[in-house]
């Protein structure tokens, strides 16, 4: 299933070429979490020709419908990262410490790990390292995963992944903030997001990723590069009361 692009037509793969008009080579991508974001990334990434494995907490047999729809291979969480060049971790923050140990051990050597998570204390319980010590949400996740991450898609509406891709240069193309410490992994993720049909804005390191956490001006913002850049600059490191326990 492909989403309408919002202008009355389905996006054509040629609309979503990378910089310079070149198609990216097929990548092996593991998606851990098959909720709204994980499910829609599975739909888009398989449609773009990538080799996608997808896992959830309930077992691969519960992903039969998504697999039939997309061609993605349902697997157990500990298998999702095997050989993967990109791994998307899109589970509730409270579930990150419970992911299988050595989750990324068999991933590609230079794997880029995308963290889409957000800290919602009403759901996740109080996390002292975030609330008291000022640790950013993705830095906390990276410590539990034992691998650095790239923070992306955390403030993106899941339906926009299907409905709002636009070709490069389109004036209505949305931009997504991306934070991380590893320049090569960040470049991989930004190129993948470009292929998905969105611009990106580098929001800094993981220690600066508070600029795109819940309650900041960029969180949930549907806008282009200039507005996203401005919103990131306006962010405050102080966590809003609505996002504290």
C-alpha atoms as a PDB file:
ATOM      1  CA  UNK A   1       0.000   0.000   0.000  1.00  0.00           C
ATOM      2  CA  UNK A   2       1.290   3.427  -0.951  1.00  0.00           C
ATOM      3  CA  UNK A   3       0.013   6.680   0.481  1.00  0.00           C
ATOM      4  CA  UNK A   4      -1.310   9.464  -1.660  1.00  0.00           C
ATOM      5  CA  UNK A   5       1.212  12.309  -1.641  1.00  0.00           C
ATOM      6  CA  UNK A   6      -1.400  14.871  -0.585  1.00  0.00           C
ATOM      7  CA  UNK A   7      -1.647  16.366  -4.056  1.00  0.00           C
ATOM      8  CA  UNK A   8      -3.969  13.725  -5.471  1.00  0.00           C
ATOM      9  CA  UNK A   9      -1.346  11.299  -6.768  1.00  0.00           C
ATOM     10  CA  UNK A  10       0.843   8.545  -5.393  1.00  0.00           C
ATOM     11  CA  UNK A  11       4.550   9.413  -5.074  1.00  0.00           C
ATOM     12  CA  UNK A  12       6.673   7.811  -7.764  1.00  0.00           C
ATOM     13  CA  UNK A  13      10.047   6.362  -6.719  1.00  0.00           C
ATOM     14  CA  UNK A  14      11.768   8.775  -9.106  1.00  0.00           C
ATOM     15  CA  UNK A  15      10.332  11.644  -7.033  1.00  0.00           C
ATOM     16  CA  UNK A  16      12.306  10.433  -4.038  1.00  0.00           C
ATOM     17  CA  UNK A  17      15.802  10.176  -5.432  1.00  0.00           C
ATOM     18  CA  UNK A  18      18.737  11.180  -3.312  1.00  0.00           C
ATOM     19  CA  UNK A  19      21.008  14.207  -3.843  1.00  0.00           C
ATOM     20  CA  UNK A  20      22.054  14.574  -7.476  1.00  0.00           C
ATOM     21  CA  UNK A  21      19.192  12.375  -8.632  1.00  0.00           C
ATOM     22  CA  UNK A  22      20.977   9.075  -7.932  1.00  0.00           C
ATOM     23  CA  UNK A  23      19.073   6.165  -6.463  1.00  0.00           C
ATOM     24  CA  UNK A  24      20.596   4.835  -3.245  1.00  0.00           C
ATOM     25  CA  UNK A  25      21.660   1.215  -3.239  1.00  0.00           C
ATOM     26  CA  UNK A  26      19.456  -1.258  -1.427  1.00  0.00           C
ATOM     27  CA  UNK A  27      20.292  -1.439   2.267  1.00  0.00           C
ATOM     28  CA  UNK A  28      19.541  -4.020   4.911  1.00  0.00           C
ATOM     29  CA  UNK A  29      17.422  -2.292   7.540  1.00  0.00           C
ATOM     30  CA  UNK A  30      16.176  -3.724  10.830  1.00  0.00           C
ATOM     31  CA  UNK A  31      13.177  -2.148  12.541  1.00  0.00           C
ATOM     32  CA  UNK A  32      12.599  -2.946  16.206  1.00  0.00           C
ATOM     33  CA  UNK A  33       9.092  -1.886  17.121  1.00  0.00           C
ATOM     34  CA  UNK A  34       6.083  -2.144  14.832  1.00  0.00           C
ATOM     35  CA  UNK A  35       3.858   0.584  16.230  1.00  0.00           C
ATOM     36  CA  UNK A  36       2.757   3.614  14.231  1.00  0.00           C
ATOM     37  CA  UNK A  37       6.240   4.915  13.397  1.00  0.00           C
ATOM     38  CA  UNK A  38       7.826   1.486  12.960  1.00  0.00           C
ATOM     39  CA  UNK A  39       4.964   0.197  10.844  1.00  0.00           C
ATOM     40  CA  UNK A  40       4.935   3.179   8.520  1.00  0.00           C
ATOM     41  CA  UNK A  41       8.718   3.166   8.136  1.00  0.00           C
ATOM     42  CA  UNK A  42       8.409  -0.508   7.219  1.00  0.00           C
ATOM     43  CA  UNK A  43       5.861   0.409   4.543  1.00  0.00           C
ATOM     44  CA  UNK A  44       7.930   3.205   3.040  1.00  0.00           C
ATOM     45  CA  UNK A  45      11.341   1.564   3.208  1.00  0.00           C
ATOM     46  CA  UNK A  46      10.168  -1.670   1.593  1.00  0.00           C
ATOM     47  CA  UNK A  47       8.422   0.359  -1.123  1.00  0.00           C
ATOM     48  CA  UNK A  48      11.775   2.051  -1.814  1.00  0.00           C
ATOM     49  CA  UNK A  49      13.370  -1.341  -2.363  1.00  0.00           C
ATOM     50  CA  UNK A  50      15.254  -1.864   0.895  1.00  0.00           C
ATOM     51  CA  UNK A  51      15.606  -5.265   2.552  1.00  0.00           C
ATOM     52  CA  UNK A  52      13.645  -4.798   5.771  1.00  0.00           C
ATOM     53  CA  UNK A  53      13.278  -7.035   8.801  1.00  0.00           C
ATOM     54  CA  UNK A  54      10.792  -6.024  11.482  1.00  0.00           C
ATOM     55  CA  UNK A  55      10.317  -7.176  15.072  1.00  0.00           C
ATOM     56  CA  UNK A  56       8.056  -6.401  17.986  1.00  0.00           C
ATOM     57  CA  UNK A  57       7.703  -7.529  21.589  1.00  0.00           C
ATOM     58  CA  UNK A  58       4.932 -10.053  20.820  1.00  0.00           C
ATOM     59  CA  UNK A  59       6.735 -12.242  18.301  1.00  0.00           C
ATOM     60  CA  UNK A  60       6.974 -12.505  14.518  1.00  0.00           C
ATOM     61  CA  UNK A  61       3.707 -14.413  14.167  1.00  0.00           C
ATOM     62  CA  UNK A  62       1.833 -11.227  15.163  1.00  0.00           C
ATOM     63  CA  UNK A  63       3.395  -9.358  12.227  1.00  0.00           C
ATOM     64  CA  UNK A  64       1.981 -11.582   9.481  1.00  0.00           C
ATOM     65  CA  UNK A  65      -0.366  -8.897   8.117  1.00  0.00           C
ATOM     66  CA  UNK A  66       2.375  -6.249   7.944  1.00  0.00           C
ATOM     67  CA  UNK A  67       4.733  -8.738   6.313  1.00  0.00           C
ATOM     68  CA  UNK A  68       2.131  -9.713   3.712  1.00  0.00           C
ATOM     69  CA  UNK A  69       1.387  -6.065   2.970  1.00  0.00           C
ATOM     70  CA  UNK A  70       4.984  -4.920   2.633  1.00  0.00           C
ATOM     71  CA  UNK A  71       7.222  -7.892   1.945  1.00  0.00           C
ATOM     72  CA  UNK A  72       9.248  -7.186   5.088  1.00  0.00           C
ATOM     73  CA  UNK A  73      10.466 -10.250   6.988  1.00  0.00           C
ATOM     74  CA  UNK A  74       9.081 -10.619  10.512  1.00  0.00           C
ATOM     75  CA  UNK A  75      11.715 -11.799  12.986  1.00  0.00           C
ATOM     76  CA  UNK A  76      12.441 -11.858  16.685  1.00  0.00           C
ATOM     77  CA  UNK A  77      14.007  -8.710  18.138  1.00  0.00           C
ATOM     78  CA  UNK A  78      17.410 -10.362  18.575  1.00  0.00           C
ATOM     79  CA  UNK A  79      17.464 -11.179  14.848  1.00  0.00           C
ATOM     80  CA  UNK A  80      16.337  -7.819  13.493  1.00  0.00           C
ATOM     81  CA  UNK A  81      19.777  -6.217  13.547  1.00  0.00           C
ATOM     82  CA  UNK A  82      21.664  -9.162  12.065  1.00  0.00           C
ATOM     83  CA  UNK A  83      23.744  -7.807   9.173  1.00  0.00           C
ATOM     84  CA  UNK A  84      21.793  -4.541   9.193  1.00  0.00           C
ATOM     85  CA  UNK A  85      23.370  -1.314   7.974  1.00  0.00           C
ATOM     86  CA  UNK A  86      20.616   0.711   9.633  1.00  0.00           C
ATOM     87  CA  UNK A  87      18.665  -0.288  12.746  1.00  0.00           C
ATOM     88  CA  UNK A  88      15.601   1.685  13.847  1.00  0.00           C
ATOM     89  CA  UNK A  89      14.731   1.394  17.538  1.00  0.00           C
ATOM     90  CA  UNK A  90      11.179   2.630  17.878  1.00  0.00           C
ATOM     91  CA  UNK A  91       9.854   1.321  21.182  1.00  0.00           C
ATOM     92  CA  UNK A  92       8.609   3.112  24.326  1.00  0.00           C
ATOM     93  CA  UNK A  93      11.566   4.472  26.268  1.00  0.00           C
ATOM     94  CA  UNK A  94      10.769   2.263  29.261  1.00  0.00           C
ATOM     95  CA  UNK A  95      11.180  -0.789  26.993  1.00  0.00           C
ATOM     96  CA  UNK A  96      14.732   0.031  25.894  1.00  0.00           C
ATOM     97  CA  UNK A  97      16.499  -1.544  28.924  1.00  0.00           C
ATOM     98  CA  UNK A  98      14.514  -4.735  28.318  1.00  0.00           C
ATOM     99  CA  UNK A  99      15.683  -5.239  24.732  1.00  0.00           C
ATOM    100  CA  UNK A 100      17.840  -8.353  24.222  1.00  0.00           C
ATOM    101  CA  UNK A 101      21.429  -7.955  25.384  1.00  0.00           C
ATOM    102  CA  UNK A 102      23.892  -7.823  22.522  1.00  0.00           C
ATOM    103  CA  UNK A 103      21.102  -6.612  20.262  1.00  0.00           C
ATOM    104  CA  UNK A 104      23.543  -4.947  17.856  1.00  0.00           C
ATOM    105  CA  UNK A 105      26.360  -7.500  18.137  1.00  0.00           C
ATOM    106  CA  UNK A 106      25.709  -8.993  14.696  1.00  0.00           C
ATOM    107  CA  UNK A 107      24.847  -5.739  12.924  1.00  0.00           C
ATOM    108  CA  UNK A 108      27.103  -4.334  10.218  1.00  0.00           C
ATOM    109  CA  UNK A 109      30.337  -2.902  11.593  1.00  0.00           C
ATOM    110  CA  UNK A 110      29.371   0.693  10.772  1.00  0.00           C
ATOM    111  CA  UNK A 111      25.652   0.313  11.579  1.00  0.00           C
ATOM    112  CA  UNK A 112      23.651   3.528  12.020  1.00  0.00           C
ATOM    113  CA  UNK A 113      21.159   3.167  14.864  1.00  0.00           C
ATOM    114  CA  UNK A 114      18.131   5.468  14.741  1.00  0.00           C
ATOM    115  CA  UNK A 115      16.380   6.256  18.027  1.00  0.00           C
ATOM    116  CA  UNK A 116      12.833   7.581  17.570  1.00  0.00           C
ATOM    117  CA  UNK A 117      12.005   7.520  21.280  1.00  0.00           C
ATOM    118  CA  UNK A 118      10.670  10.132  23.660  1.00  0.00           C
ATOM    119  CA  UNK A 119      10.460  10.275  27.440  1.00  0.00           C
ATOM    120  CA  UNK A 120       6.859  10.507  28.615  1.00  0.00           C
ATOM    121  CA  UNK A 121       7.003  10.071  32.414  1.00  0.00           C
ATOM    122  CA  UNK A 122       3.282   9.308  32.648  1.00  0.00           C
ATOM    123  CA  UNK A 123       3.964   6.243  30.466  1.00  0.00           C
ATOM    124  CA  UNK A 124       7.615   5.438  31.197  1.00  0.00           C
ATOM    125  CA  UNK A 125       7.795   6.165  34.899  1.00  0.00           C
ATOM    126  CA  UNK A 126      10.271   8.586  36.399  1.00  0.00           C
ATOM    127  CA  UNK A 127      13.813   8.272  35.029  1.00  0.00           C
ATOM    128  CA  UNK A 128      16.173  10.059  37.416  1.00  0.00           C
ATOM    129  CA  UNK A 129      19.097  10.261  34.983  1.00  0.00           C
ATOM    130  CA  UNK A 130      16.929  12.299  32.635  1.00  0.00           C
ATOM    131  CA  UNK A 131      15.027  14.388  35.168  1.00  0.00           C
ATOM    132  CA  UNK A 132      17.700  14.964  37.806  1.00  0.00           C
ATOM    133  CA  UNK A 133      20.981  14.568  35.950  1.00  0.00           C
ATOM    134  CA  UNK A 134      19.894  16.319  32.749  1.00  0.00           C
ATOM    135  CA  UNK A 135      20.759  13.393  30.500  1.00  0.00           C
ATOM    136  CA  UNK A 136      19.133  13.715  27.098  1.00  0.00           C
ATOM    137  CA  UNK A 137      16.668  10.994  26.208  1.00  0.00           C
ATOM    138  CA  UNK A 138      18.746   9.605  23.349  1.00  0.00           C
ATOM    139  CA  UNK A 139      21.959   9.653  25.404  1.00  0.00           C
ATOM    140  CA  UNK A 140      20.103   7.552  27.986  1.00  0.00           C
ATOM    141  CA  UNK A 141      18.935   5.137  25.274  1.00  0.00           C
ATOM    142  CA  UNK A 142      22.433   4.921  23.784  1.00  0.00           C
ATOM    143  CA  UNK A 143      23.869   3.921  27.155  1.00  0.00           C
ATOM    144  CA  UNK A 144      21.372   1.097  27.504  1.00  0.00           C
ATOM    145  CA  UNK A 145      21.888  -0.078  23.923  1.00  0.00           C
ATOM    146  CA  UNK A 146      25.671   0.039  24.290  1.00  0.00           C
ATOM    147  CA  UNK A 147      25.925   1.882  20.979  1.00  0.00           C
ATOM    148  CA  UNK A 148      25.648   5.490  19.911  1.00  0.00           C
ATOM    149  CA  UNK A 149      22.385   6.496  18.217  1.00  0.00           C
ATOM    150  CA  UNK A 150      21.032   9.077  15.832  1.00  0.00           C
ATOM    151  CA  UNK A 151      17.906  10.806  17.128  1.00  0.00           C
ATOM    152  CA  UNK A 152      15.330  11.200  14.351  1.00  0.00           C
ATOM    153  CA  UNK A 153      11.566  10.874  13.732  1.00  0.00           C
ATOM    154  CA  UNK A 154      10.843  11.454  17.425  1.00  0.00           C
ATOM    155  CA  UNK A 155       8.671  14.500  16.723  1.00  0.00           C
ATOM    156  CA  UNK A 156       7.230  13.270  13.427  1.00  0.00           C
ATOM    157  CA  UNK A 157       3.578  12.328  13.078  1.00  0.00           C
ATOM    158  CA  UNK A 158       3.478   8.714  11.922  1.00  0.00           C
ATOM    159  CA  UNK A 159       0.940   9.418   9.182  1.00  0.00           C
ATOM    160  CA  UNK A 160       3.216  12.100   7.711  1.00  0.00           C
ATOM    161  CA  UNK A 161       5.734   9.374   6.839  1.00  0.00           C
ATOM    162  CA  UNK A 162       3.123   8.036   4.421  1.00  0.00           C
ATOM    163  CA  UNK A 163       1.351  11.189   3.327  1.00  0.00           C
ATOM    164  CA  UNK A 164       3.883  14.022   3.248  1.00  0.00           C
ATOM    165  CA  UNK A 165       6.957  12.912   1.291  1.00  0.00           C
ATOM    166  CA  UNK A 166       7.913  15.412  -1.423  1.00  0.00           C
ATOM    167  CA  UNK A 167      10.696  15.499  -4.027  1.00  0.00           C
ATOM    168  CA  UNK A 168      13.807  17.557  -3.293  1.00  0.00           C
ATOM    169  CA  UNK A 169      13.215  21.236  -3.966  1.00  0.00           C
ATOM    170  CA  UNK A 170       9.453  21.089  -3.485  1.00  0.00           C
ATOM    171  CA  UNK A 171       8.416  24.201  -1.521  1.00  0.00           C
ATOM    172  CA  UNK A 172       6.115  22.068   0.662  1.00  0.00           C
ATOM    173  CA  UNK A 173       8.819  19.587   1.618  1.00  0.00           C
ATOM    174  CA  UNK A 174       9.030  19.075   5.372  1.00  0.00           C
ATOM    175  CA  UNK A 175      12.333  19.060   7.262  1.00  0.00           C
ATOM    176  CA  UNK A 176      13.136  16.765  10.187  1.00  0.00           C
ATOM    177  CA  UNK A 177      15.741  17.487  12.890  1.00  0.00           C
ATOM    178  CA  UNK A 178      18.519  14.917  13.292  1.00  0.00           C
ATOM    179  CA  UNK A 179      20.982  14.734  16.202  1.00  0.00           C
ATOM    180  CA  UNK A 180      23.958  12.466  16.824  1.00  0.00           C
ATOM    181  CA  UNK A 181      27.653  12.161  17.597  1.00  0.00           C
ATOM    182  CA  UNK A 182      28.800   9.931  14.727  1.00  0.00           C
ATOM    183  CA  UNK A 183      29.179  12.008  11.526  1.00  0.00           C
ATOM    184  CA  UNK A 184      29.155   8.970   9.231  1.00  0.00           C
ATOM    185  CA  UNK A 185      26.052   7.472  10.843  1.00  0.00           C
ATOM    186  CA  UNK A 186      24.352  10.857  10.788  1.00  0.00           C
ATOM    187  CA  UNK A 187      25.129  11.222   7.079  1.00  0.00           C
ATOM    188  CA  UNK A 188      23.639   7.767   6.412  1.00  0.00           C
ATOM    189  CA  UNK A 189      20.458   8.633   8.287  1.00  0.00           C
ATOM    190  CA  UNK A 190      20.096  12.037   6.645  1.00  0.00           C
ATOM    191  CA  UNK A 191      20.496  10.448   3.204  1.00  0.00           C
ATOM    192  CA  UNK A 192      17.862   7.852   4.055  1.00  0.00           C
ATOM    193  CA  UNK A 193      15.440  10.542   5.226  1.00  0.00           C
ATOM    194  CA  UNK A 194      16.102  12.440   2.002  1.00  0.00           C
ATOM    195  CA  UNK A 195      15.229   9.283   0.080  1.00  0.00           C
ATOM    196  CA  UNK A 196      12.022   9.024   2.101  1.00  0.00           C
ATOM    197  CA  UNK A 197      11.079  12.473   0.815  1.00  0.00           C
ATOM    198  CA  UNK A 198      12.036  14.880   3.615  1.00  0.00           C
ATOM    199  CA  UNK A 199      14.765  17.458   4.180  1.00  0.00           C
ATOM    200  CA  UNK A 200      16.854  17.337   7.349  1.00  0.00           C
ATOM    201  CA  UNK A 201      18.408  19.854   9.734  1.00  0.00           C
ATOM    202  CA  UNK A 202      21.419  18.890  11.845  1.00  0.00           C
ATOM    203  CA  UNK A 203      20.402  19.674  15.426  1.00  0.00           C
ATOM    204  CA  UNK A 204      23.791  18.890  16.940  1.00  0.00           C
ATOM    205  CA  UNK A 205      25.215  16.155  19.143  1.00  0.00           C
ATOM    206  CA  UNK A 206      23.289  13.795  21.400  1.00  0.00           C
ATOM    207  CA  UNK A 207      24.007  16.140  24.305  1.00  0.00           C
ATOM    208  CA  UNK A 208      22.273  18.873  22.294  1.00  0.00           C
ATOM    209  CA  UNK A 209      19.334  16.691  21.288  1.00  0.00           C
ATOM    210  CA  UNK A 210      17.185  18.307  23.991  1.00  0.00           C
ATOM    211  CA  UNK A 211      16.447  20.813  21.231  1.00  0.00           C
ATOM    212  CA  UNK A 212      14.074  18.284  19.632  1.00  0.00           C
ATOM    213  CA  UNK A 213      12.660  16.573  22.715  1.00  0.00           C
ATOM    214  CA  UNK A 214       8.928  16.771  23.583  1.00  0.00           C
ATOM    215  CA  UNK A 215       7.712  20.237  24.510  1.00  0.00           C
ATOM    216  CA  UNK A 216      10.261  22.084  22.350  1.00  0.00           C
ATOM    217  CA  UNK A 217       9.222  24.358  19.446  1.00  0.00           C
ATOM    218  CA  UNK A 218      10.338  21.842  16.801  1.00  0.00           C
ATOM    219  CA  UNK A 219       8.474  18.886  18.315  1.00  0.00           C
ATOM    220  CA  UNK A 220       5.616  18.036  15.948  1.00  0.00           C
ATOM    221  CA  UNK A 221       6.436  20.977  13.682  1.00  0.00           C
ATOM    222  CA  UNK A 222       5.375  20.468  10.074  1.00  0.00           C
ATOM    223  CA  UNK A 223       7.589  22.969   8.285  1.00  0.00           C
ATOM    224  CA  UNK A 224      10.556  23.413   6.000  1.00  0.00           C
ATOM    225  CA  UNK A 225      14.253  23.837   6.685  1.00  0.00           C
ATOM    226  CA  UNK A 226      14.208  27.527   7.638  1.00  0.00           C
ATOM    227  CA  UNK A 227      11.382  27.176  10.167  1.00  0.00           C
ATOM    228  CA  UNK A 228      12.859  24.011  11.679  1.00  0.00           C
ATOM    229  CA  UNK A 229      16.266  25.698  12.027  1.00  0.00           C
ATOM    230  CA  UNK A 230      14.623  28.658  13.785  1.00  0.00           C
ATOM    231  CA  UNK A 231      12.610  26.400  16.089  1.00  0.00           C
ATOM    232  CA  UNK A 232      15.738  24.504  17.134  1.00  0.00           C
ATOM    233  CA  UNK A 233      17.449  27.803  17.965  1.00  0.00           C
ATOM    234  CA  UNK A 234      14.502  28.840  20.145  1.00  0.00           C
ATOM    235  CA  UNK A 235      14.551  25.686  22.283  1.00  0.00           C
ATOM    236  CA  UNK A 236      15.299  25.776  26.001  1.00  0.00           C
ATOM    237  CA  UNK A 237      17.237  23.030  27.808  1.00  0.00           C
ATOM    238  CA  UNK A 238      14.763  23.242  30.709  1.00  0.00           C
ATOM    239  CA  UNK A 239      12.309  20.362  30.517  1.00  0.00           C
ATOM    240  CA  UNK A 240       8.698  21.627  30.419  1.00  0.00           C
ATOM    241  CA  UNK A 241       6.531  20.775  33.437  1.00  0.00           C
ATOM    242  CA  UNK A 242       4.194  18.695  31.268  1.00  0.00           C
ATOM    243  CA  UNK A 243       7.094  16.326  30.554  1.00  0.00           C
ATOM    244  CA  UNK A 244       8.312  15.876  34.124  1.00  0.00           C
ATOM    245  CA  UNK A 245       7.140  13.337  36.664  1.00  0.00           C
END
